[in-house]
Amino acid sequence: MMIQVSQTTKGGRTQIRIAATPKSPQTRALLAQFKKGVRTIEKKWKAHAAAAKKRAAKGRRGRRR
């Protein structure tokens, strides 16, 4: 099994591309597990950003009164 990882950073964003050969069931399972982990991290990032945006909006509303 050969796993090739390509990571680039552009504009403050990190992109990771992974290619694995051969396409065995073990390799597919490993890639599926990795993708699941990435989705979990992505959900946390989005939740954090939404909470920060909500806090900022709440702070702006309080100052107007």
C-alpha atoms as a PDB file:
ATOM      1  CA  MET A   1       0.000   0.000   0.000  1.00  0.00           C
ATOM      2  CA  MET A   2       1.354   3.387  -0.991  1.00  0.00           C
ATOM      3  CA  ILE A   3      -0.124   6.554   0.483  1.00  0.00           C
ATOM      4  CA  GLN A   4       0.708   9.901  -1.092  1.00  0.00           C
ATOM      5  CA  VAL A   5      -0.100  13.091   0.798  1.00  0.00           C
ATOM      6  CA  SER A   6      -0.029  16.523  -0.810  1.00  0.00           C
ATOM      7  CA  GLN A   7      -0.518  19.540   1.452  1.00  0.00           C
ATOM      8  CA  THR A   8      -0.664  23.136   0.237  1.00  0.00           C
ATOM      9  CA  THR A   9      -1.408  26.396   1.992  1.00  0.00           C
ATOM     10  CA  LYS A  10      -2.898  29.229  -0.020  1.00  0.00           C
ATOM     11  CA  GLY A  11      -4.551  32.353   1.308  1.00  0.00           C
ATOM     12  CA  GLY A  12      -4.564  31.103   4.891  1.00  0.00           C
ATOM     13  CA  ARG A  13      -6.333  27.855   3.970  1.00  0.00           C
ATOM     14  CA  THR A  14      -4.714  24.447   4.109  1.00  0.00           C
ATOM     15  CA  GLN A  15      -5.674  21.898   1.494  1.00  0.00           C
ATOM     16  CA  ILE A  16      -4.760  18.237   1.915  1.00  0.00           C
ATOM     17  CA  ARG A  17      -5.054  15.760  -0.940  1.00  0.00           C
ATOM     18  CA  ILE A  18      -4.522  12.079  -0.256  1.00  0.00           C
ATOM     19  CA  ALA A  19      -4.155   9.330  -2.827  1.00  0.00           C
ATOM     20  CA  ALA A  20      -3.732   5.695  -1.863  1.00  0.00           C
ATOM     21  CA  THR A  21      -2.925   2.674  -4.006  1.00  0.00           C
ATOM     22  CA  PRO A  22      -3.876  -0.095  -4.431  1.00  0.00           C
ATOM     23  CA  LYS A  23      -7.580   0.340  -3.840  1.00  0.00           C
ATOM     24  CA  SER A  24      -7.833  -2.502  -1.368  1.00  0.00           C
ATOM     25  CA  PRO A  25     -10.639  -2.744   1.213  1.00  0.00           C
ATOM     26  CA  GLN A  26      -8.150  -1.868   3.973  1.00  0.00           C
ATOM     27  CA  THR A  27      -7.018   1.255   2.123  1.00  0.00           C
ATOM     28  CA  ARG A  28     -10.594   2.300   1.432  1.00  0.00           C
ATOM     29  CA  ALA A  29     -11.466   1.825   5.106  1.00  0.00           C
ATOM     30  CA  LEU A  30      -8.462   3.918   6.141  1.00  0.00           C
ATOM     31  CA  LEU A  31      -9.423   6.726   3.752  1.00  0.00           C
ATOM     32  CA  ALA A  32     -13.046   6.602   4.930  1.00  0.00           C
ATOM     33  CA  GLN A  33     -11.888   6.919   8.533  1.00  0.00           C
ATOM     34  CA  PHE A  34      -9.692   9.898   7.614  1.00  0.00           C
ATOM     35  CA  LYS A  35     -12.544  11.619   5.760  1.00  0.00           C
ATOM     36  CA  LYS A  36     -14.837  11.074   8.741  1.00  0.00           C
ATOM     37  CA  GLY A  37     -12.280  12.744  11.003  1.00  0.00           C
ATOM     38  CA  VAL A  38     -11.958  15.683   8.615  1.00  0.00           C
ATOM     39  CA  ARG A  39     -15.742  16.142   8.553  1.00  0.00           C
ATOM     40  CA  THR A  40     -15.809  16.131  12.368  1.00  0.00           C
ATOM     41  CA  ILE A  41     -13.139  18.830  12.524  1.00  0.00           C
ATOM     42  CA  GLU A  42     -14.938  20.842   9.845  1.00  0.00           C
ATOM     43  CA  LYS A  43     -18.185  20.752  11.864  1.00  0.00           C
ATOM     44  CA  LYS A  44     -16.341  22.052  14.936  1.00  0.00           C
ATOM     45  CA  TRP A  45     -14.760  24.889  12.913  1.00  0.00           C
ATOM     46  CA  LYS A  46     -18.129  25.898  11.477  1.00  0.00           C
ATOM     47  CA  ALA A  47     -19.797  25.764  14.901  1.00  0.00           C
ATOM     48  CA  HIS A  48     -17.029  27.892  16.404  1.00  0.00           C
ATOM     49  CA  ALA A  49     -17.306  30.466  13.601  1.00  0.00           C
ATOM     50  CA  ALA A  50     -21.096  30.610  13.970  1.00  0.00           C
ATOM     51  CA  ALA A  51     -20.822  31.076  17.745  1.00  0.00           C
ATOM     52  CA  ALA A  52     -18.254  33.865  17.306  1.00  0.00           C
ATOM     53  CA  LYS A  53     -20.501  35.581  14.769  1.00  0.00           C
ATOM     54  CA  LYS A  54     -23.463  35.267  17.130  1.00  0.00           C
ATOM     55  CA  ARG A  55     -21.458  36.726  20.039  1.00  0.00           C
ATOM     56  CA  ALA A  56     -20.326  39.631  17.871  1.00  0.00           C
ATOM     57  CA  ALA A  57     -23.898  40.349  16.762  1.00  0.00           C
ATOM     58  CA  LYS A  58     -25.113  40.189  20.343  1.00  0.00           C
ATOM     59  CA  GLY A  59     -22.419  42.641  21.407  1.00  0.00           C
ATOM     60  CA  ARG A  60     -23.428  45.109  18.705  1.00  0.00           C
ATOM     61  CA  ARG A  61     -27.097  44.904  19.713  1.00  0.00           C
ATOM     62  CA  GLY A  62     -26.304  45.658  23.352  1.00  0.00           C
ATOM     63  CA  ARG A  63     -24.370  48.821  22.537  1.00  0.00           C
ATOM     64  CA  ARG A  64     -27.241  50.459  20.660  1.00  0.00           C
ATOM     65  CA  ARG A  65     -29.560  50.562  23.647  1.00  0.00           C
END
